[in-house]
């Protein structure tokens, strides 16, 4: 993971950790996993994919960084996962 991706991931984590709705959905401490463990607690948030591409313009160093997130739940139908993902998005 590049430094840019790591910095953005850290900022995302800090932001959602301060949101009461996300904490209610994903627990305290937050259940966040980079790679799902064999027996995780559900639901949990996973940083699924990270990409960064140079976007150098006008002599300045810049990057376009994309981080894909997923909420994983065992519940059939995905209602809990969709609700938790909505909380993360907001």
Protein backbone atom coordinates (compact mmCIF):
# COMPACT_ATOMS: atom_id res chain seq x y z
CA UNK A 1 0.00 0.00 0.00
CA UNK A 2 1.37 3.41 -0.90
CA UNK A 3 1.77 6.19 1.62
CA UNK A 4 -1.04 8.11 -0.08
CA UNK A 5 -3.43 5.16 0.21
CA UNK A 6 -2.43 4.54 3.81
CA UNK A 7 -2.99 8.19 4.72
CA UNK A 8 -6.44 8.20 3.15
CA UNK A 9 -7.36 4.90 4.82
CA UNK A 10 -6.26 6.29 8.20
CA UNK A 11 -8.36 9.42 7.65
CA UNK A 12 -11.41 7.32 6.69
CA UNK A 13 -10.97 5.16 9.79
CA UNK A 14 -10.68 8.20 12.08
CA UNK A 15 -13.72 9.86 10.54
CA UNK A 16 -16.05 6.87 10.79
CA UNK A 17 -14.80 6.01 14.30
CA UNK A 18 -16.20 9.35 15.44
CA UNK A 19 -19.65 8.71 13.99
CA UNK A 20 -22.18 7.38 16.52
CA UNK A 21 -24.30 5.62 13.86
CA UNK A 22 -21.26 3.75 12.48
CA UNK A 23 -20.18 2.75 16.00
CA UNK A 24 -23.71 1.49 16.69
CA UNK A 25 -23.64 -0.58 13.49
CA UNK A 26 -20.06 -1.90 13.65
CA UNK A 27 -19.39 -2.04 17.39
CA UNK A 28 -17.01 -0.36 19.80
CA UNK A 29 -14.19 -0.84 19.03
CA UNK A 30 -15.10 -0.79 15.36
CA UNK A 31 -15.01 -4.12 13.59
CA UNK A 32 -12.78 -3.22 10.64
CA UNK A 33 -10.70 -5.80 8.81
CA UNK A 34 -8.20 -5.56 5.96
CA UNK A 35 -8.41 -9.29 5.41
CA UNK A 36 -11.26 -11.21 6.96
CA UNK A 37 -10.07 -13.49 9.75
CA UNK A 38 -11.33 -17.09 9.79
CA UNK A 39 -13.94 -16.28 12.48
CA UNK A 40 -14.69 -12.54 12.43
CA UNK A 41 -17.42 -10.83 14.44
CA UNK A 42 -20.22 -9.66 12.14
CA UNK A 43 -21.03 -7.26 10.68
CA UNK A 44 -17.62 -5.78 9.87
CA UNK A 45 -16.20 -3.23 7.47
CA UNK A 46 -13.53 -4.36 5.07
CA UNK A 47 -11.14 -2.23 3.02
CA UNK A 48 -11.48 -4.36 -0.11
CA UNK A 49 -9.34 -2.69 -2.76
CA UNK A 50 -7.01 0.27 -2.99
CA UNK A 51 -5.66 1.92 -6.10
CA UNK A 52 -3.71 5.09 -6.73
CA UNK A 53 -2.75 6.64 -10.02
CA UNK A 54 -0.52 9.64 -10.61
CA UNK A 55 -2.43 12.74 -11.60
CA UNK A 56 0.37 15.21 -12.14
CA UNK A 57 -0.77 18.53 -13.40
CA UNK A 58 0.94 21.88 -13.73
CA UNK A 59 4.14 20.54 -12.20
CA UNK A 60 2.46 19.43 -8.96
CA UNK A 61 2.54 15.89 -7.63
CA UNK A 62 -0.98 14.54 -7.18
CA UNK A 63 -2.79 11.20 -7.11
CA UNK A 64 -6.26 9.87 -7.73
CA UNK A 65 -6.85 7.38 -4.90
CA UNK A 66 -9.76 4.94 -4.82
CA UNK A 67 -10.58 2.82 -1.79
CA UNK A 68 -13.42 0.31 -2.06
CA UNK A 69 -15.23 -0.59 1.16
CA UNK A 70 -17.63 -3.43 1.93
CA UNK A 71 -19.73 -4.28 4.95
CA UNK A 72 -19.88 -8.03 5.48
CA UNK A 73 -22.74 -9.64 7.38
CA UNK A 74 -24.11 -13.15 7.80
CA UNK A 75 -27.72 -11.98 7.71
CA UNK A 76 -29.75 -13.24 4.74
CA UNK A 77 -30.96 -10.48 2.48
CA UNK A 78 -28.23 -8.05 3.49
CA UNK A 79 -30.46 -5.57 5.36
CA UNK A 80 -27.94 -5.08 8.19
CA UNK A 81 -25.02 -4.73 5.76
CA UNK A 82 -26.88 -2.18 3.62
CA UNK A 83 -27.87 -0.15 6.69
CA UNK A 84 -24.29 -0.19 8.03
CA UNK A 85 -22.90 0.82 4.63
CA UNK A 86 -25.39 3.68 4.52
CA UNK A 87 -24.09 4.85 7.91
CA UNK A 88 -20.49 4.65 6.66
CA UNK A 89 -21.36 6.65 3.51
CA UNK A 90 -23.09 9.39 5.49
